Protein backbone atom coordinates (compact mmCIF):
# COMPACT_ATOMS: atom_id res chain seq x y z
CA UNK A 1 6.63 -0.29 1.66
CA UNK A 2 9.39 -0.05 -1.81
CA UNK A 3 8.40 3.46 -1.46
CA UNK A 4 10.64 3.27 1.76
CA UNK A 5 13.22 1.87 0.35
CA UNK A 6 13.18 4.63 -2.61
CA UNK A 7 13.73 7.41 -0.16
CA UNK A 8 17.34 7.42 0.85
CA UNK A 9 18.01 7.18 -2.93
CA UNK A 10 15.65 10.90 -3.92
CA UNK A 11 17.50 12.51 -0.77
CA UNK A 12 20.88 11.73 -2.12
CA UNK A 13 19.72 12.79 -5.19
CA UNK A 14 19.42 16.22 -3.39
CA UNK A 15 23.46 15.99 -2.77
CA UNK A 16 25.12 18.11 -5.39
CA UNK A 17 28.83 17.31 -5.47
CA UNK A 18 31.02 19.34 -7.07
CA UNK A 19 35.40 19.26 -7.89
CA UNK A 20 37.70 21.35 -7.88
CA UNK A 21 41.01 20.29 -9.57
CA UNK A 22 43.56 22.81 -8.96
CA UNK A 23 42.60 22.83 -5.45
CA UNK A 24 41.99 19.40 -5.77
CA UNK A 25 39.17 19.58 -2.98
CA UNK A 26 35.58 18.43 -3.22
CA UNK A 27 32.37 19.45 -1.82
CA UNK A 28 29.29 18.31 -1.16
CA UNK A 29 25.95 20.10 -0.59
CA UNK A 30 22.73 19.18 -0.01
CA UNK A 31 19.47 20.87 -1.85
CA UNK A 32 16.98 21.69 0.41
CA UNK A 33 14.31 22.73 -2.21
CA UNK A 34 15.22 19.04 -4.61
CA UNK A 35 14.75 17.51 -0.93
CA UNK A 36 11.03 18.72 -0.04
CA UNK A 37 10.17 18.37 -3.66
CA UNK A 38 11.39 14.75 -3.90
CA UNK A 39 9.44 14.34 -0.47
CA UNK A 40 5.84 15.51 -1.96
CA UNK A 41 6.54 13.49 -4.76
CA UNK A 42 6.70 10.52 -2.44
CA UNK A 43 3.97 11.92 -0.61
CA UNK A 44 1.09 12.10 -3.45
CA UNK A 45 2.73 9.12 -4.60
CA UNK A 46 1.79 7.19 -1.24
CA UNK A 47 -1.61 8.82 -1.25
CA UNK A 48 -2.09 7.77 -5.19
CA UNK A 49 -1.81 3.77 -4.11
CA UNK A 50 -3.72 4.26 -0.97
CA UNK A 51 -6.94 6.05 -2.93
CA UNK A 52 -6.02 2.91 -5.67
CA UNK A 53 -6.09 0.49 -2.87
CA UNK A 54 -9.83 2.10 -1.34
CA UNK A 55 -10.95 2.27 -4.87
CA UNK A 56 -9.94 -1.60 -5.63
CA UNK A 57 -11.41 -3.09 -1.99
CA UNK A 58 -14.61 -1.11 -3.01
CA UNK A 59 -15.02 -2.56 -6.40
CA UNK A 60 -14.18 -5.78 -4.62
CA UNK A 61 -16.83 -5.49 -1.82
CA UNK A 62 -19.74 -4.35 -4.52
CA UNK A 63 -18.72 -7.34 -6.82
CA UNK A 64 -19.28 -9.07 -4.03
CA UNK A 65 -22.11 -8.14 -2.94
CA UNK A 66 -23.68 -8.25 -6.48
CA UNK A 67 -23.12 -11.73 -6.57
CA UNK A 68 -24.66 -12.42 -3.57
CA UNK A 69 -27.89 -10.08 -4.09
CA UNK A 70 -28.02 -12.06 -7.44
CA UNK A 71 -28.06 -15.72 -6.47
CA UNK A 72 -31.00 -17.87 -5.12
CA UNK A 73 -29.68 -18.45 -1.41
CA UNK A 74 -30.95 -16.27 1.17
CA UNK A 75 -28.24 -15.34 3.49
CA UNK A 76 -29.15 -15.18 7.00
CA UNK A 77 -26.61 -13.87 8.91
CA UNK A 78 -27.91 -13.85 12.00
CA UNK A 79 -29.16 -17.45 11.79
CA UNK A 80 -28.01 -20.18 14.61
CA UNK A 81 -26.07 -22.02 13.00
CA UNK A 82 -26.14 -26.25 14.26
CA UNK A 83 -23.63 -28.40 13.60
CA UNK A 84 -23.60 -32.23 14.81
CA UNK A 85 -20.74 -34.47 15.36
CA UNK A 86 -20.46 -37.02 13.41
CA UNK A 87 -17.57 -39.00 14.51
CA UNK A 88 -19.35 -39.51 18.43
CA UNK A 89 -22.28 -39.41 16.54
CA UNK A 90 -21.39 -42.72 14.49
CA UNK A 91 -19.35 -44.07 17.70
CA UNK A 92 -23.29 -44.74 19.09
């Protein structure tokens, strides 16, 4: 999300301002090469962040699986779970 805030600033960096004191004029030109390089850098950064997140999720999943594998508790995800309404049970 922070990258989205950086895009306008990076694109502003692609603008080149020059001032001609003799004529009293100021000109602003847009350098598309600088803008393309900035966009490529943003894309690469976003790709790297995405890869880091995916790697972190994978490592966390592996750690959880390792903890489950190393416990003495049998985990059966397909088992029926029966609960008892204790408030109704205690009222009788």
